[in-house]
Amino acid sequence: MNRIFIYLFLSLFLIQGASFSQDMITETVKLAKSEDKKTIILFSGKYCSWCKKLENLINNDDDVKNILSSYIILHADIEKDLDMVKKYKVKTVPAVFILDENGEITKNIVGYKGKEQFINFLSQ
């Protein structure tokens, strides 16, 4: 039941286009931990062509989608989620951060690197 509530909360929150906070990250990390998954924060921008290319890879490539099935992804907009941009010191997009079960950054990658490098990043 708790898992359903968190999913609904995340869905409604993200559908509304609202910016998210550290509380949202904390809840997502808890959910990921309960499902034996990791958390990814993907920072992108509305007018960023490389971000759109990464989103296309994430949403349409079967190999990438298979690997990402072991993650919960939060999408952050660099124009809306300014507190998170500041916290994670995002200077350019796309930027991808993988968080551990405590919400700490384990690794990150900046810029679009292509399918093979992105898969290697996720798999290490």
Protein backbone atom coordinates (compact mmCIF):
# COMPACT_ATOMS: atom_id res chain seq x y z
CA MET A 1 0.00 0.00 0.00
CA ASN A 2 2.82 2.38 0.90
CA ARG A 3 4.47 1.70 -2.47
CA ILE A 4 1.24 2.56 -4.31
CA PHE A 5 0.97 5.83 -2.41
CA ILE A 6 4.54 6.79 -3.28
CA TYR A 7 3.99 5.95 -6.96
CA LEU A 8 0.80 8.02 -7.04
CA PHE A 9 2.51 10.88 -5.25
CA LEU A 10 5.46 10.83 -7.65
CA SER A 11 3.19 10.54 -10.68
CA LEU A 12 0.93 13.40 -9.70
CA PHE A 13 3.84 15.54 -8.68
CA LEU A 14 5.74 15.04 -11.93
CA ILE A 15 2.66 15.26 -14.16
CA GLN A 16 1.92 18.70 -12.78
CA GLY A 17 5.36 19.83 -13.88
CA ALA A 18 6.24 20.97 -10.40
CA SER A 19 9.81 21.23 -9.33
CA PHE A 20 10.99 18.66 -6.85
CA SER A 21 12.83 18.92 -3.58
CA GLN A 22 15.13 16.93 -1.38
CA ASP A 23 12.04 15.33 0.18
CA MET A 24 11.06 13.99 -3.24
CA ILE A 25 14.53 12.53 -3.70
CA THR A 26 14.43 10.99 -0.22
CA GLU A 27 11.07 9.31 -0.93
CA THR A 28 12.27 8.06 -4.30
CA VAL A 29 15.44 6.63 -2.77
CA LYS A 30 13.32 4.83 -0.15
CA LEU A 31 11.10 3.40 -2.86
CA ALA A 32 14.10 2.32 -4.92
CA LYS A 33 15.65 0.64 -1.89
CA SER A 34 12.43 -1.24 -1.13
CA GLU A 35 12.42 -2.54 -4.72
CA ASP A 36 16.15 -3.31 -4.76
CA LYS A 37 16.74 -0.59 -7.35
CA LYS A 38 18.95 2.46 -7.62
CA THR A 39 17.90 6.06 -8.18
CA ILE A 40 18.91 8.22 -11.12
CA ILE A 41 18.45 11.96 -11.34
CA LEU A 42 18.50 13.14 -14.94
CA PHE A 43 18.99 16.88 -15.35
CA SER A 44 17.95 18.25 -18.70
CA GLY A 45 16.70 21.42 -20.33
CA LYS A 46 13.74 22.16 -22.51
CA TYR A 47 15.84 23.57 -25.35
CA CYS A 48 18.77 21.16 -25.05
CA SER A 49 19.12 19.02 -28.20
CA TRP A 50 21.57 16.64 -26.49
CA CYS A 51 19.06 16.16 -23.68
CA LYS A 52 16.39 15.22 -26.19
CA LYS A 53 18.81 12.77 -27.78
CA LEU A 54 19.49 11.16 -24.37
CA GLU A 55 15.75 11.03 -23.60
CA ASN A 56 15.18 9.32 -26.95
CA LEU A 57 17.88 6.76 -26.11
CA ILE A 58 16.36 6.15 -22.66
CA ASN A 59 12.82 5.79 -23.97
CA ASN A 60 13.37 3.90 -27.22
CA ASP A 61 16.47 1.72 -27.05
CA ASP A 62 15.67 -1.78 -25.79
CA ASP A 63 19.18 -2.41 -24.42
CA VAL A 64 19.13 0.82 -22.42
CA LYS A 65 15.55 0.26 -21.25
CA ASN A 66 16.51 -3.21 -20.04
CA ILE A 67 19.36 -1.84 -17.91
CA LEU A 68 17.23 1.05 -16.66
CA SER A 69 14.59 -1.36 -15.40
CA SER A 70 16.76 -1.66 -12.29
CA TYR A 71 16.56 2.09 -11.65
CA ILE A 72 13.94 4.67 -10.73
CA ILE A 73 14.51 7.86 -12.70
CA LEU A 74 13.72 11.37 -11.53
CA HIS A 75 13.72 14.02 -14.24
CA ALA A 76 14.91 17.47 -13.20
CA ASP A 77 14.52 20.60 -15.30
CA ILE A 78 17.44 22.98 -14.98
CA GLU A 79 15.09 25.94 -15.38
CA LYS A 80 12.57 24.84 -12.72
CA ASP A 81 14.51 22.77 -10.20
CA LEU A 82 17.02 25.43 -9.21
CA ASP A 83 17.59 24.15 -5.67
CA MET A 84 18.54 20.73 -7.03
CA VAL A 85 20.71 22.27 -9.76
CA LYS A 86 22.57 24.13 -7.03
CA LYS A 87 22.80 21.12 -4.70
CA TYR A 88 24.22 18.84 -7.41
CA LYS A 89 26.32 21.65 -8.93
CA VAL A 90 24.94 21.09 -12.41
CA LYS A 91 26.74 23.32 -14.90
CA THR A 92 25.74 21.67 -18.17
CA VAL A 93 23.14 19.21 -19.38
CA PRO A 94 22.34 16.48 -19.81
CA ALA A 95 23.70 15.42 -16.45
CA VAL A 96 22.97 12.03 -14.90
CA PHE A 97 23.55 11.20 -11.23
CA ILE A 98 23.25 7.74 -9.72
CA LEU A 99 22.40 7.69 -6.03
CA ASP A 100 22.98 4.91 -3.53
CA GLU A 101 20.45 3.67 -0.97
CA ASN A 102 21.35 6.62 1.28
CA GLY A 103 20.78 9.21 -1.42
CA GLU A 104 24.48 9.87 -1.89
CA ILE A 105 25.98 10.28 -5.35
CA THR A 106 27.89 7.18 -6.41
CA LYS A 107 28.73 8.44 -9.88
CA ASN A 108 27.68 10.89 -12.53
CA ILE A 109 28.13 11.63 -16.20
CA VAL A 110 27.75 14.95 -17.99
CA GLY A 111 26.87 15.41 -21.64
CA TYR A 112 25.56 13.01 -24.21
CA LYS A 113 28.06 10.18 -24.71
CA GLY A 114 26.19 7.79 -26.99
CA LYS A 115 24.65 4.40 -26.37
CA GLU A 116 27.75 2.33 -25.59
CA GLN A 117 29.26 4.78 -23.11
CA PHE A 118 25.91 5.33 -21.44
CA ILE A 119 25.42 1.57 -21.04
CA ASN A 120 28.96 1.25 -19.66
CA PHE A 121 28.25 4.07 -17.21
CA LEU A 122 25.06 2.38 -15.99
CA SER A 123 26.64 -1.08 -15.80
CA GLN A 124 29.80 -0.27 -13.82
